[in-house]
């Protein structure tokens, strides 16, 4: 699948609802929404979203009295017939209006100080992701763990890979492990003391 990601900044207000750094807001459907996204590849009337407000944890990420946020909405990839140049702005407004009217961020429209968004076209055209997919390699058995691209490229000399798209896979713990695995490969190839990779100063 792909994503619409709406970035926005808004003014704080006393008495705001108790949102967190990470917020998952599920829509009224689950299985049918996934069918719309993955199989029908249509933009449904309803949606689910992940609302990220890092200033709940670190207020220094926005000017005093403000929050920085983004909300991520799963949508079909570009193999569908959605024309994001036509529907993108209206869909972004629909999502922000939802957050306002459902009471997640009351009066958000009046409090917005910044807003922008990216669509599946961005993932495809700017980031080069196939069909605008937002999450890299599909996590199926034949593309999981050892079957993902290895941390040392088997095709290009001196190219090393790190992150959720390579071994061992997605998720923060796996990405951290990927970094360690790649660092070990580099240390082995360049005869670097492995203690350095482990965070221990090299012996003199």
Foldseek 3Di string as FASTA:
>chain_A
DAKKKKKFKFFDDPPAPPDAQKDKFDKPDDPVVVCCAEPVQDFDPIWIKIKGWNCNPPVVVDPPRMTIIMIMTRGHFQVHDDDCVPCVVVVVVVVQVCCQVVRNGDPRVVTIPDMDMDTLCCQCVVVVDVSSHDFADDPDPCCAAPNFQAQQHPPDPPDGDAAQRGPHHDDDVGRVVRVLRNVVVVCVVVVNPCVVSVVHDDDD
